[in-house]
Amino acid sequence: MVAKGIKTKDVQTKAGKHIDKIIGQASKDSPFVKVGVQEKDGAKEKKQRDQGEADNMVRLLLVAIVQEFGTDKAGKNKDITIPERSYIRSTADEKKKEWAKLNDELLTKIFKGMSIEKALKIQGQRMRADIQKKIEAIEDPILKLATILAKGSSKPLIDTAQLIQSIREQVVKKKIGGFGV
């Protein structure tokens, strides 16, 4: 309550102005990080790539999705079953607390002056590294003997290393397609 006849003035601290700037930037741009096999590497970029490379990227997106979720309709006759070998969802489940802790640490750094985009890039790099480690570590379900003989290895998600190398982080300000977290 203000006494009659006394004038007041709202004063905003430097920290308060910085917080307002961060909130304004976040609500205006709505940046976020996507991690996984991005659509940028696939179908939408066909115009900028030759058809063969674009087709390879589309196949990579299909492989990424099939390995993550599994299917019972693979092969020319749609009669081959590929079991689920989740590397994105399972990593997100396993690393949820670690990622939340890093998120909190980065939020503190944002309030101290780090840009939102830089913080999201750091978060995305951590998520990408964790997903790539998961791809390397997956051993179950084991491959069928015919698959092992055909590829010369018993590692389920490692063959040409194309999948593991395609896992990327991307800080975006608008919605884009792709497959990831």
C-alpha atoms as a PDB file:
ATOM      1  CA  MET A   1       0.000   0.000   0.000  1.00  0.00           C
ATOM      2  CA  VAL A   2       1.335   3.420  -0.963  1.00  0.00           C
ATOM      3  CA  ALA A   3       0.684   6.458   1.219  1.00  0.00           C
ATOM      4  CA  LYS A   4      -1.407   9.178  -0.319  1.00  0.00           C
ATOM      5  CA  GLY A   5       0.634  11.727  -2.225  1.00  0.00           C
ATOM      6  CA  ILE A   6       3.808   9.613  -2.516  1.00  0.00           C
ATOM      7  CA  LYS A   7       4.905   8.804  -6.039  1.00  0.00           C
ATOM      8  CA  THR A   8       6.486   5.438  -6.805  1.00  0.00           C
ATOM      9  CA  LYS A   9       8.587   4.287  -9.702  1.00  0.00           C
ATOM     10  CA  ASP A  10       9.075   0.742 -10.937  1.00  0.00           C
ATOM     11  CA  VAL A  11      12.743  -0.094 -11.276  1.00  0.00           C
ATOM     12  CA  GLN A  12      13.966  -3.117 -13.153  1.00  0.00           C
ATOM     13  CA  THR A  13      17.355  -4.524 -12.269  1.00  0.00           C
ATOM     14  CA  LYS A  14      19.949  -5.511 -14.855  1.00  0.00           C
ATOM     15  CA  ALA A  15      19.216  -9.182 -14.059  1.00  0.00           C
ATOM     16  CA  GLY A  16      15.498  -8.566 -14.520  1.00  0.00           C
ATOM     17  CA  LYS A  17      16.095  -6.976 -17.929  1.00  0.00           C
ATOM     18  CA  HIS A  18      18.266  -9.942 -18.915  1.00  0.00           C
ATOM     19  CA  ILE A  19      15.533 -12.401 -17.867  1.00  0.00           C
ATOM     20  CA  ASP A  20      12.931 -10.423 -19.836  1.00  0.00           C
ATOM     21  CA  LYS A  21      15.238 -10.529 -22.878  1.00  0.00           C
ATOM     22  CA  ILE A  22      15.652 -14.322 -22.554  1.00  0.00           C
ATOM     23  CA  ILE A  23      11.921 -14.888 -22.162  1.00  0.00           C
ATOM     24  CA  GLY A  24      11.206 -12.621 -25.127  1.00  0.00           C
ATOM     25  CA  GLN A  25      13.779 -14.406 -27.287  1.00  0.00           C
ATOM     26  CA  ALA A  26      12.524 -17.859 -26.328  1.00  0.00           C
ATOM     27  CA  SER A  27       8.863 -17.020 -26.878  1.00  0.00           C
ATOM     28  CA  LYS A  28       9.537 -15.173 -30.144  1.00  0.00           C
ATOM     29  CA  ASP A  29      11.818 -17.672 -31.838  1.00  0.00           C
ATOM     30  CA  SER A  30      10.856 -20.842 -29.940  1.00  0.00           C
ATOM     31  CA  PRO A  31      14.203 -22.502 -30.643  1.00  0.00           C
ATOM     32  CA  PHE A  32      14.578 -26.179 -29.848  1.00  0.00           C
ATOM     33  CA  VAL A  33      17.020 -28.983 -30.540  1.00  0.00           C
ATOM     34  CA  LYS A  34      16.328 -32.088 -32.598  1.00  0.00           C
ATOM     35  CA  VAL A  35      18.587 -35.105 -32.429  1.00  0.00           C
ATOM     36  CA  GLY A  36      18.465 -38.097 -34.748  1.00  0.00           C
ATOM     37  CA  VAL A  37      18.413 -38.715 -38.492  1.00  0.00           C
ATOM     38  CA  GLN A  38      17.097 -35.367 -39.713  1.00  0.00           C
ATOM     39  CA  GLU A  39      14.820 -34.875 -42.684  1.00  0.00           C
ATOM     40  CA  LYS A  40      17.336 -32.294 -43.877  1.00  0.00           C
ATOM     41  CA  ASP A  41      19.444 -35.325 -44.748  1.00  0.00           C
ATOM     42  CA  GLY A  42      16.537 -36.982 -46.518  1.00  0.00           C
ATOM     43  CA  ALA A  43      13.614 -36.335 -48.790  1.00  0.00           C
ATOM     44  CA  LYS A  44      13.163 -32.556 -48.627  1.00  0.00           C
ATOM     45  CA  GLU A  45      16.646 -31.848 -49.964  1.00  0.00           C
ATOM     46  CA  LYS A  46      16.182 -33.825 -53.211  1.00  0.00           C
ATOM     47  CA  LYS A  47      16.314 -30.634 -55.250  1.00  0.00           C
ATOM     48  CA  GLN A  48      19.811 -29.860 -53.964  1.00  0.00           C
ATOM     49  CA  ARG A  49      21.220 -33.367 -54.431  1.00  0.00           C
ATOM     50  CA  ASP A  50      21.388 -35.801 -57.271  1.00  0.00           C
ATOM     51  CA  GLN A  51      18.644 -38.411 -57.310  1.00  0.00           C
ATOM     52  CA  GLY A  52      20.925 -41.276 -56.249  1.00  0.00           C
ATOM     53  CA  GLU A  53      22.137 -39.487 -53.143  1.00  0.00           C
ATOM     54  CA  ALA A  54      18.598 -38.409 -52.241  1.00  0.00           C
ATOM     55  CA  ASP A  55      17.379 -41.997 -52.634  1.00  0.00           C
ATOM     56  CA  ASN A  56      20.189 -43.188 -50.337  1.00  0.00           C
ATOM     57  CA  MET A  57      19.118 -40.672 -47.702  1.00  0.00           C
ATOM     58  CA  VAL A  58      15.492 -41.773 -47.930  1.00  0.00           C
ATOM     59  CA  ARG A  59      16.646 -45.391 -47.494  1.00  0.00           C
ATOM     60  CA  LEU A  60      18.678 -44.315 -44.456  1.00  0.00           C
ATOM     61  CA  LEU A  61      15.585 -42.733 -42.876  1.00  0.00           C
ATOM     62  CA  LEU A  62      13.701 -45.985 -43.525  1.00  0.00           C
ATOM     63  CA  VAL A  63      16.492 -48.072 -41.953  1.00  0.00           C
ATOM     64  CA  ALA A  64      16.556 -45.742 -38.932  1.00  0.00           C
ATOM     65  CA  ILE A  65      12.807 -46.100 -38.389  1.00  0.00           C
ATOM     66  CA  VAL A  66      12.711 -49.872 -38.972  1.00  0.00           C
ATOM     67  CA  GLN A  67      15.593 -50.503 -36.562  1.00  0.00           C
ATOM     68  CA  GLU A  68      14.043 -48.264 -33.901  1.00  0.00           C
ATOM     69  CA  PHE A  69      10.555 -49.786 -34.056  1.00  0.00           C
ATOM     70  CA  GLY A  70      11.001 -53.139 -35.826  1.00  0.00           C
ATOM     71  CA  THR A  71       8.752 -54.536 -38.548  1.00  0.00           C
ATOM     72  CA  ASP A  72       7.261 -57.810 -39.672  1.00  0.00           C
ATOM     73  CA  LYS A  73       6.942 -56.693 -43.288  1.00  0.00           C
ATOM     74  CA  ALA A  74      10.529 -56.346 -44.559  1.00  0.00           C
ATOM     75  CA  GLY A  75      12.023 -57.826 -47.710  1.00  0.00           C
ATOM     76  CA  LYS A  76      10.766 -58.078 -51.264  1.00  0.00           C
ATOM     77  CA  ASN A  77       7.937 -60.382 -50.258  1.00  0.00           C
ATOM     78  CA  LYS A  78       7.190 -58.467 -47.031  1.00  0.00           C
ATOM     79  CA  ASP A  79       7.794 -61.697 -45.075  1.00  0.00           C
ATOM     80  CA  ILE A  80      10.932 -60.851 -43.084  1.00  0.00           C
ATOM     81  CA  THR A  81      10.746 -59.765 -39.461  1.00  0.00           C
ATOM     82  CA  ILE A  82      13.246 -57.243 -38.144  1.00  0.00           C
ATOM     83  CA  PRO A  83      12.982 -56.950 -34.351  1.00  0.00           C
ATOM     84  CA  GLU A  84      12.918 -53.621 -32.557  1.00  0.00           C
ATOM     85  CA  ARG A  85      16.383 -52.372 -31.627  1.00  0.00           C
ATOM     86  CA  SER A  86      15.511 -49.041 -30.055  1.00  0.00           C
ATOM     87  CA  TYR A  87      18.458 -46.699 -29.882  1.00  0.00           C
ATOM     88  CA  ILE A  88      16.677 -43.334 -29.675  1.00  0.00           C
ATOM     89  CA  ARG A  89      13.714 -43.979 -27.375  1.00  0.00           C
ATOM     90  CA  SER A  90      15.689 -46.299 -25.102  1.00  0.00           C
ATOM     91  CA  THR A  91      18.513 -43.757 -24.791  1.00  0.00           C
ATOM     92  CA  ALA A  92      16.012 -41.010 -23.959  1.00  0.00           C
ATOM     93  CA  ASP A  93      14.484 -43.231 -21.267  1.00  0.00           C
ATOM     94  CA  GLU A  94      17.866 -44.216 -19.823  1.00  0.00           C
ATOM     95  CA  LYS A  95      19.376 -40.721 -19.911  1.00  0.00           C
ATOM     96  CA  LYS A  96      16.290 -38.714 -18.918  1.00  0.00           C
ATOM     97  CA  LYS A  97      17.672 -37.684 -15.497  1.00  0.00           C
ATOM     98  CA  GLU A  98      21.152 -36.877 -16.844  1.00  0.00           C
ATOM     99  CA  TRP A  99      19.704 -34.794 -19.668  1.00  0.00           C
ATOM    100  CA  ALA A 100      17.407 -32.963 -17.229  1.00  0.00           C
ATOM    101  CA  LYS A 101      20.393 -32.177 -14.972  1.00  0.00           C
ATOM    102  CA  LEU A 102      22.381 -30.834 -17.938  1.00  0.00           C
ATOM    103  CA  ASN A 103      19.321 -28.827 -18.971  1.00  0.00           C
ATOM    104  CA  ASP A 104      19.197 -27.232 -15.502  1.00  0.00           C
ATOM    105  CA  GLU A 105      22.924 -26.417 -15.639  1.00  0.00           C
ATOM    106  CA  LEU A 106      22.513 -24.850 -19.069  1.00  0.00           C
ATOM    107  CA  LEU A 107      19.497 -22.839 -17.928  1.00  0.00           C
ATOM    108  CA  THR A 108      21.669 -21.334 -15.186  1.00  0.00           C
ATOM    109  CA  LYS A 109      24.277 -20.466 -17.829  1.00  0.00           C
ATOM    110  CA  ILE A 110      21.583 -18.864 -20.006  1.00  0.00           C
ATOM    111  CA  PHE A 111      20.633 -16.621 -17.092  1.00  0.00           C
ATOM    112  CA  LYS A 112      24.310 -15.692 -16.784  1.00  0.00           C
ATOM    113  CA  GLY A 113      24.540 -14.703 -20.457  1.00  0.00           C
ATOM    114  CA  MET A 114      24.905 -17.827 -22.629  1.00  0.00           C
ATOM    115  CA  SER A 115      22.692 -17.747 -25.715  1.00  0.00           C
ATOM    116  CA  ILE A 116      19.759 -20.132 -25.896  1.00  0.00           C
ATOM    117  CA  GLU A 117      21.062 -21.474 -29.206  1.00  0.00           C
ATOM    118  CA  LYS A 118      24.473 -22.287 -27.704  1.00  0.00           C
ATOM    119  CA  ALA A 119      22.851 -24.046 -24.738  1.00  0.00           C
ATOM    120  CA  LEU A 120      20.630 -26.069 -27.070  1.00  0.00           C
ATOM    121  CA  LYS A 121      23.655 -26.988 -29.205  1.00  0.00           C
ATOM    122  CA  ILE A 122      25.468 -28.282 -26.103  1.00  0.00           C
ATOM    123  CA  GLN A 123      22.371 -30.251 -25.042  1.00  0.00           C
ATOM    124  CA  GLY A 124      22.029 -31.684 -28.540  1.00  0.00           C
ATOM    125  CA  GLN A 125      25.695 -32.702 -28.721  1.00  0.00           C
ATOM    126  CA  ARG A 126      25.315 -34.608 -25.453  1.00  0.00           C
ATOM    127  CA  MET A 127      22.159 -36.340 -26.674  1.00  0.00           C
ATOM    128  CA  ARG A 128      23.796 -37.220 -30.014  1.00  0.00           C
ATOM    129  CA  ALA A 129      26.843 -38.717 -28.269  1.00  0.00           C
ATOM    130  CA  ASP A 130      24.617 -40.766 -25.938  1.00  0.00           C
ATOM    131  CA  ILE A 131      22.546 -42.116 -28.851  1.00  0.00           C
ATOM    132  CA  GLN A 132      25.695 -43.006 -30.811  1.00  0.00           C
ATOM    133  CA  LYS A 133      27.101 -44.864 -27.787  1.00  0.00           C
ATOM    134  CA  LYS A 134      23.831 -46.770 -27.520  1.00  0.00           C
ATOM    135  CA  ILE A 135      24.023 -47.802 -31.198  1.00  0.00           C
ATOM    136  CA  GLU A 136      27.534 -49.173 -30.589  1.00  0.00           C
ATOM    137  CA  ALA A 137      26.447 -51.010 -27.428  1.00  0.00           C
ATOM    138  CA  ILE A 138      23.314 -52.767 -28.704  1.00  0.00           C
ATOM    139  CA  GLU A 139      23.777 -56.530 -28.934  1.00  0.00           C
ATOM    140  CA  ASP A 140      20.212 -57.806 -28.534  1.00  0.00           C
ATOM    141  CA  PRO A 141      18.242 -59.143 -30.162  1.00  0.00           C
ATOM    142  CA  ILE A 142      21.020 -61.042 -31.869  1.00  0.00           C
ATOM    143  CA  LEU A 143      21.169 -61.185 -35.641  1.00  0.00           C
ATOM    144  CA  LYS A 144      20.092 -64.246 -37.574  1.00  0.00           C
ATOM    145  CA  LEU A 145      22.936 -66.398 -38.888  1.00  0.00           C
ATOM    146  CA  ALA A 146      22.123 -65.481 -42.501  1.00  0.00           C
ATOM    147  CA  THR A 147      22.457 -61.771 -41.652  1.00  0.00           C
ATOM    148  CA  ILE A 148      25.764 -62.321 -39.844  1.00  0.00           C
ATOM    149  CA  LEU A 149      27.147 -64.244 -42.822  1.00  0.00           C
ATOM    150  CA  ALA A 150      25.910 -61.618 -45.300  1.00  0.00           C
ATOM    151  CA  LYS A 151      27.369 -58.626 -43.468  1.00  0.00           C
ATOM    152  CA  GLY A 152      30.373 -60.351 -41.883  1.00  0.00           C
ATOM    153  CA  SER A 153      29.631 -59.098 -38.385  1.00  0.00           C
ATOM    154  CA  SER A 154      27.351 -59.905 -35.466  1.00  0.00           C
ATOM    155  CA  LYS A 155      26.889 -56.230 -34.432  1.00  0.00           C
ATOM    156  CA  PRO A 156      23.192 -55.465 -34.975  1.00  0.00           C
ATOM    157  CA  LEU A 157      23.267 -51.744 -35.833  1.00  0.00           C
ATOM    158  CA  ILE A 158      26.818 -51.445 -37.164  1.00  0.00           C
ATOM    159  CA  ASP A 159      27.552 -52.363 -40.749  1.00  0.00           C
ATOM    160  CA  THR A 160      28.749 -49.454 -42.861  1.00  0.00           C
ATOM    161  CA  ALA A 161      28.533 -47.026 -39.888  1.00  0.00           C
ATOM    162  CA  GLN A 162      26.179 -44.898 -41.994  1.00  0.00           C
ATOM    163  CA  LEU A 163      23.442 -44.931 -39.332  1.00  0.00           C
ATOM    164  CA  ILE A 164      25.711 -43.940 -36.450  1.00  0.00           C
ATOM    165  CA  GLN A 165      27.334 -41.189 -38.525  1.00  0.00           C
ATOM    166  CA  SER A 166      23.946 -39.829 -39.569  1.00  0.00           C
ATOM    167  CA  ILE A 167      22.871 -39.058 -35.996  1.00  0.00           C
ATOM    168  CA  ARG A 168      23.043 -35.285 -35.750  1.00  0.00           C
ATOM    169  CA  GLU A 169      21.844 -32.479 -33.540  1.00  0.00           C
ATOM    170  CA  GLN A 170      20.191 -29.451 -35.035  1.00  0.00           C
ATOM    171  CA  VAL A 171      19.024 -26.273 -33.318  1.00  0.00           C
ATOM    172  CA  VAL A 172      15.971 -24.972 -35.151  1.00  0.00           C
ATOM    173  CA  LYS A 173      13.546 -22.107 -34.783  1.00  0.00           C
ATOM    174  CA  LYS A 174      10.758 -23.682 -36.794  1.00  0.00           C
ATOM    175  CA  LYS A 175       9.322 -27.158 -37.047  1.00  0.00           C
ATOM    176  CA  ILE A 176      11.107 -29.539 -39.391  1.00  0.00           C
ATOM    177  CA  GLY A 177      10.601 -33.191 -40.164  1.00  0.00           C
ATOM    178  CA  GLY A 178      12.862 -36.077 -39.360  1.00  0.00           C
ATOM    179  CA  PHE A 179      13.242 -38.919 -36.933  1.00  0.00           C
ATOM    180  CA  GLY A 180      14.701 -38.414 -33.496  1.00  0.00           C
ATOM    181  CA  VAL A 181      14.152 -36.896 -30.077  1.00  0.00           C
END
